[in-house]
Protein backbone atom coordinates (compact mmCIF):
# COMPACT_ATOMS: atom_id res chain seq x y z
CA UNK A 1 0.32 -0.04 0.27
CA UNK A 2 1.52 3.33 -0.93
CA UNK A 3 1.46 6.76 1.05
CA UNK A 4 -1.62 7.98 -1.71
CA UNK A 5 -3.89 4.86 -0.33
CA UNK A 6 -2.94 5.59 2.92
CA UNK A 7 -4.41 9.14 2.66
CA UNK A 8 -7.15 8.46 0.78
CA UNK A 9 -8.14 5.91 3.93
CA UNK A 10 -7.79 8.52 6.91
CA UNK A 11 -9.87 10.79 4.62
CA UNK A 12 -12.70 8.02 4.28
CA UNK A 13 -12.42 6.44 7.64
CA UNK A 14 -10.69 8.38 10.41
CA UNK A 15 -12.22 12.06 9.33
CA UNK A 16 -15.67 11.12 9.69
CA UNK A 17 -15.00 9.24 13.00
CA UNK A 18 -13.35 12.49 14.40
CA UNK A 19 -16.64 14.35 13.24
CA UNK A 20 -19.11 12.06 14.48
CA UNK A 21 -17.02 11.82 17.94
CA UNK A 22 -16.74 15.59 18.18
CA UNK A 23 -20.37 15.83 17.24
CA UNK A 24 -21.20 13.42 19.94
CA UNK A 25 -19.27 14.87 22.63
CA UNK A 26 -21.28 18.28 21.87
CA UNK A 27 -24.42 17.08 22.28
CA UNK A 28 -23.79 15.43 25.78
CA UNK A 29 -22.50 19.00 27.38
CA UNK A 30 -23.82 22.21 26.07
CA UNK A 31 -23.45 25.83 27.61
CA UNK A 32 -26.71 26.54 27.72
CA UNK A 33 -27.13 26.61 31.54
CA UNK A 34 -24.24 28.84 31.93
CA UNK A 35 -25.15 30.82 29.29
CA UNK A 36 -28.88 31.91 30.59
CA UNK A 37 -27.23 32.90 33.54
CA UNK A 38 -25.48 35.63 31.45
CA UNK A 39 -28.18 36.54 29.29
CA UNK A 40 -30.41 39.08 31.44
CA UNK A 41 -27.40 40.92 31.94
CA UNK A 42 -25.52 41.36 28.56
CA UNK A 43 -29.15 41.87 26.94
CA UNK A 44 -30.18 44.69 29.31
CA UNK A 45 -26.77 46.33 28.57
CA UNK A 46 -27.64 45.64 24.55
CA UNK A 47 -30.97 47.40 25.02
CA UNK A 48 -30.30 50.30 26.95
CA UNK A 49 -27.22 51.03 24.59
CA UNK A 50 -29.23 50.71 21.02
CA UNK A 51 -33.15 50.85 22.10
CA UNK A 52 -32.14 53.56 24.58
CA UNK A 53 -34.66 51.29 27.11
CA UNK A 54 -34.28 51.65 31.13
CA UNK A 55 -35.32 48.99 33.33
CA UNK A 56 -34.85 44.95 32.93
CA UNK A 57 -36.17 43.70 29.67
CA UNK A 58 -39.26 41.00 29.45
CA UNK A 59 -38.30 38.09 27.10
CA UNK A 60 -40.40 35.60 25.74
CA UNK A 61 -40.12 32.96 22.84
CA UNK A 62 -36.78 31.79 24.32
CA UNK A 63 -35.36 28.92 22.43
CA UNK A 64 -31.76 27.02 22.18
CA UNK A 65 -31.02 26.94 18.70
CA UNK A 66 -27.44 25.88 19.29
CA UNK A 67 -25.74 24.27 22.03
CA UNK A 68 -22.35 21.97 22.21
CA UNK A 69 -19.48 22.66 24.46
CA UNK A 70 -17.81 25.60 23.54
CA UNK A 71 -20.74 27.47 21.44
CA UNK A 72 -24.28 28.41 22.72
CA UNK A 73 -26.94 30.16 20.67
CA UNK A 74 -29.97 31.22 21.91
CA UNK A 75 -33.18 33.14 20.03
CA UNK A 76 -35.74 35.57 21.70
CA UNK A 77 -38.25 38.24 21.53
CA UNK A 78 -36.83 40.99 24.33
CA UNK A 79 -38.84 44.36 25.08
CA UNK A 80 -38.93 47.46 28.02
CA UNK A 81 -39.67 51.17 27.73
CA UNK A 82 -37.39 53.53 27.13
CA UNK A 83 -37.39 56.53 29.39
CA UNK A 84 -40.38 58.37 27.88
CA UNK A 85 -42.43 54.96 28.39
CA UNK A 86 -42.71 54.16 24.97
CA UNK A 87 -42.02 50.04 24.36
CA UNK A 88 -39.06 49.41 22.85
CA UNK A 89 -38.88 45.72 21.44
CA UNK A 90 -36.99 43.28 19.26
CA UNK A 91 -35.90 40.16 18.33
CA UNK A 92 -32.53 39.09 19.35
CA UNK A 93 -29.90 36.46 18.81
CA UNK A 94 -27.48 35.13 22.06
CA UNK A 95 -24.03 34.22 21.22
CA UNK A 96 -22.25 32.63 24.41
CA UNK A 97 -18.90 31.21 23.29
CA UNK A 98 -16.20 29.31 25.44
CA UNK A 99 -12.78 30.29 24.77
CA UNK A 100 -10.84 26.72 25.01
CA UNK A 101 -7.07 28.25 24.84
CA UNK A 102 -7.88 31.11 27.30
CA UNK A 103 -9.86 28.40 29.57
CA UNK A 104 -6.51 26.06 29.43
CA UNK A 105 -3.92 28.78 29.81
CA UNK A 106 -6.19 30.52 33.06
CA UNK A 107 -7.20 27.30 34.34
CA UNK A 108 -10.95 28.56 34.39
CA UNK A 109 -13.87 29.11 31.88
CA UNK A 110 -13.29 31.93 29.67
CA UNK A 111 -16.50 33.11 28.45
CA UNK A 112 -17.16 35.79 25.39
CA UNK A 113 -20.68 36.57 24.68
CA UNK A 114 -22.96 39.17 22.43
CA UNK A 115 -26.59 40.24 21.55
CA UNK A 116 -27.12 41.38 17.95
CA UNK A 117 -30.58 41.96 16.78
CA UNK A 118 -32.07 39.10 14.50
CA UNK A 119 -34.95 37.22 12.71
CA UNK A 120 -36.57 34.33 14.76
CA UNK A 121 -35.64 31.29 12.60
CA UNK A 122 -37.85 28.60 13.01
CA UNK A 123 -38.49 25.22 10.94
CA UNK A 124 -36.16 24.59 7.89
CA UNK A 125 -34.72 28.34 8.03
CA UNK A 126 -33.17 26.74 11.79
CA UNK A 127 -32.36 23.41 10.46
CA UNK A 128 -30.32 25.43 7.61
CA UNK A 129 -28.89 27.91 9.92
CA UNK A 130 -27.50 24.63 12.56
CA UNK A 131 -26.47 22.82 8.76
CA UNK A 132 -24.43 25.90 8.30
CA UNK A 133 -22.66 26.13 12.12
CA UNK A 134 -21.57 22.23 11.42
CA UNK A 135 -20.29 22.78 8.39
CA UNK A 136 -18.23 25.78 9.35
CA UNK A 137 -16.55 24.26 11.79
CA UNK A 138 -13.61 26.00 13.55
CA UNK A 139 -14.02 29.10 11.18
CA UNK A 140 -17.62 29.25 12.36
CA UNK A 141 -16.50 29.40 16.10
CA UNK A 142 -13.98 31.37 15.46
CA UNK A 143 -16.23 34.07 13.70
CA UNK A 144 -18.32 34.00 16.90
CA UNK A 145 -15.49 34.10 19.21
CA UNK A 146 -14.38 37.18 17.67
CA UNK A 147 -17.61 38.88 17.59
CA UNK A 148 -17.87 38.72 21.51
CA UNK A 149 -17.04 40.38 24.48
CA UNK A 150 -15.68 39.07 28.03
CA UNK A 151 -18.25 38.36 30.03
CA UNK A 152 -16.03 39.28 33.33
CA UNK A 153 -17.60 43.01 32.29
CA UNK A 154 -21.19 41.68 33.82
CA UNK A 155 -19.86 39.50 36.65
CA UNK A 156 -20.63 40.64 40.08
CA UNK A 157 -17.10 40.33 41.83
């Protein structure tokens, strides 16, 4: 057997096996419980900045649309009043990412998160979004990591 044959076999057997292991491990231990703890503070801050709201926003239609050991994405609708008492609201997507490099370096979990206005996904759109995330792999993860801010800004120390 030549080296070319071995490379082809590695592509056909090992890479799909590693992908399956990653997907299985991703589905067993998600970030959703931790992300939901940080969501209210980031959402409140984002709405105050972009919609000029005051007070805690009310959230409905909250749904985890992607969850694994390093990335969690939650969508929903939030509304609150501005200083004049006018109702302000929007659909949002919350991205919560665990930085594996900084976590390894510090010995404790290091998270980044972001809130963005977004269409609520359902049905076929939701499945296409999830497939796009799975297909994007490391590049997609890095994109979400780069868009976030450290959650330590919102921790009560």
